N, C-alpha and C. Protein backbone atom coordinates (compact mmCIF):
# COMPACT_ATOMS: atom_id res chain seq x y z
N UNK A 1 125.36 105.71 115.52
CA UNK A 1 125.48 107.04 116.08
C UNK A 1 124.30 107.28 117.02
N UNK A 2 124.59 107.61 118.25
CA UNK A 2 123.54 107.75 119.27
C UNK A 2 122.55 108.87 118.94
N UNK A 3 123.04 109.93 118.37
CA UNK A 3 122.14 111.04 118.02
C UNK A 3 121.11 110.59 116.99
N UNK A 4 121.56 109.87 115.98
CA UNK A 4 120.65 109.38 114.95
C UNK A 4 119.62 108.42 115.52
N UNK A 5 120.05 107.55 116.42
CA UNK A 5 119.13 106.60 117.05
C UNK A 5 118.09 107.35 117.87
N UNK A 6 118.53 108.34 118.64
CA UNK A 6 117.60 109.12 119.46
C UNK A 6 116.58 109.83 118.57
N UNK A 7 117.04 110.41 117.48
CA UNK A 7 116.12 111.10 116.57
C UNK A 7 115.12 110.14 115.95
N UNK A 8 115.57 108.96 115.57
CA UNK A 8 114.65 107.98 114.99
C UNK A 8 113.61 107.52 116.01
N UNK A 9 114.02 107.33 117.26
CA UNK A 9 113.06 106.95 118.30
C UNK A 9 112.02 108.06 118.49
N UNK A 10 112.46 109.31 118.46
CA UNK A 10 111.53 110.43 118.60
C UNK A 10 110.56 110.50 117.42
N UNK A 11 110.95 109.91 116.29
CA UNK A 11 110.09 109.86 115.11
C UNK A 11 109.28 108.57 115.07
N UNK A 12 109.24 107.86 116.20
CA UNK A 12 108.45 106.64 116.37
C UNK A 12 108.91 105.44 115.54
N UNK A 13 110.19 105.38 115.20
CA UNK A 13 110.74 104.19 114.57
C UNK A 13 110.82 103.09 115.63
N UNK A 14 110.63 101.84 115.22
CA UNK A 14 110.82 100.73 116.15
C UNK A 14 112.31 100.40 116.23
N UNK A 15 112.68 99.67 117.26
CA UNK A 15 114.08 99.23 117.38
C UNK A 15 114.47 98.38 116.19
N UNK A 16 113.54 97.57 115.71
CA UNK A 16 113.81 96.70 114.56
C UNK A 16 114.08 97.53 113.30
N UNK A 17 113.30 98.59 113.11
CA UNK A 17 113.50 99.46 111.93
C UNK A 17 114.84 100.18 112.01
N UNK A 18 115.17 100.67 113.18
CA UNK A 18 116.45 101.36 113.36
C UNK A 18 117.60 100.39 113.13
N UNK A 19 117.47 99.18 113.66
CA UNK A 19 118.52 98.17 113.48
C UNK A 19 118.71 97.84 112.01
N UNK A 20 117.62 97.70 111.28
CA UNK A 20 117.72 97.37 109.85
C UNK A 20 118.45 98.49 109.10
N UNK A 21 118.15 99.74 109.43
CA UNK A 21 118.81 100.86 108.77
C UNK A 21 120.27 101.00 109.20
N UNK A 22 120.57 100.56 110.42
CA UNK A 22 121.93 100.68 110.96
C UNK A 22 122.77 99.45 110.69
N UNK A 23 122.18 98.45 110.06
CA UNK A 23 122.85 97.19 109.75
C UNK A 23 123.40 96.52 111.02
N UNK A 24 122.51 96.40 112.02
CA UNK A 24 122.87 95.71 113.25
C UNK A 24 121.63 95.00 113.79
N UNK A 25 121.77 94.35 114.92
CA UNK A 25 120.63 93.63 115.50
C UNK A 25 119.87 94.55 116.46
N UNK A 26 118.58 94.28 116.69
CA UNK A 26 117.79 95.12 117.59
C UNK A 26 118.39 95.25 118.99
N UNK A 27 119.05 94.22 119.48
CA UNK A 27 119.65 94.27 120.82
C UNK A 27 120.70 95.37 120.90
N UNK A 28 121.43 95.60 119.82
CA UNK A 28 122.42 96.68 119.80
C UNK A 28 121.73 98.02 119.98
N UNK A 29 120.60 98.19 119.32
CA UNK A 29 119.83 99.44 119.45
C UNK A 29 119.32 99.59 120.88
N UNK A 30 118.82 98.51 121.46
CA UNK A 30 118.34 98.56 122.85
C UNK A 30 119.46 98.99 123.79
N UNK A 31 120.65 98.43 123.58
CA UNK A 31 121.79 98.77 124.44
C UNK A 31 122.17 100.25 124.28
N UNK A 32 122.18 100.72 123.03
CA UNK A 32 122.52 102.12 122.80
C UNK A 32 121.46 103.05 123.37
N UNK A 33 120.20 102.65 123.32
CA UNK A 33 119.13 103.45 123.92
C UNK A 33 119.29 103.54 125.43
N UNK A 34 119.74 102.46 126.05
CA UNK A 34 120.00 102.48 127.49
C UNK A 34 121.10 103.50 127.81
N UNK A 35 122.14 103.53 126.98
CA UNK A 35 123.23 104.49 127.19
C UNK A 35 122.73 105.93 127.01
N UNK A 36 121.86 106.13 126.02
CA UNK A 36 121.29 107.46 125.78
C UNK A 36 120.46 107.89 126.98
N UNK A 37 119.60 106.99 127.47
CA UNK A 37 118.76 107.32 128.63
C UNK A 37 119.61 107.65 129.85
N UNK A 38 120.68 106.88 130.05
CA UNK A 38 121.57 107.13 131.18
C UNK A 38 122.22 108.50 131.06
N UNK A 39 122.70 108.83 129.88
CA UNK A 39 123.34 110.13 129.66
C UNK A 39 122.36 111.27 129.89
N UNK A 40 121.14 111.12 129.39
CA UNK A 40 120.13 112.16 129.58
C UNK A 40 119.77 112.30 131.06
N UNK A 41 119.66 111.18 131.76
CA UNK A 41 119.35 111.23 133.19
C UNK A 41 120.43 111.97 133.97
N UNK A 42 121.68 111.72 133.60
CA UNK A 42 122.79 112.39 134.27
C UNK A 42 122.76 113.89 133.98
N UNK A 43 122.39 114.27 132.77
CA UNK A 43 122.28 115.69 132.44
C UNK A 43 121.19 116.36 133.25
N UNK A 44 120.07 115.68 133.40
CA UNK A 44 118.95 116.24 134.16
C UNK A 44 119.33 116.40 135.63
N UNK A 45 120.03 115.42 136.17
CA UNK A 45 120.42 115.46 137.58
C UNK A 45 121.41 116.58 137.88
N UNK A 46 122.24 116.95 136.91
CA UNK A 46 123.24 117.98 137.14
C UNK A 46 122.69 119.38 136.95
N UNK A 47 121.51 119.51 136.37
CA UNK A 47 120.91 120.84 136.15
C UNK A 47 120.20 121.37 137.35
């Protein structure tokens, strides 16, 4: 869940820690973080 990942990053979790809790590999977290950043950038640009 992207919201959960974003919240964990804001709480200074590492990608490895988030991946372990999400039962996936760190690369999956990196990819989801890229999608989150892209979505946030698009929101900022439209405001």
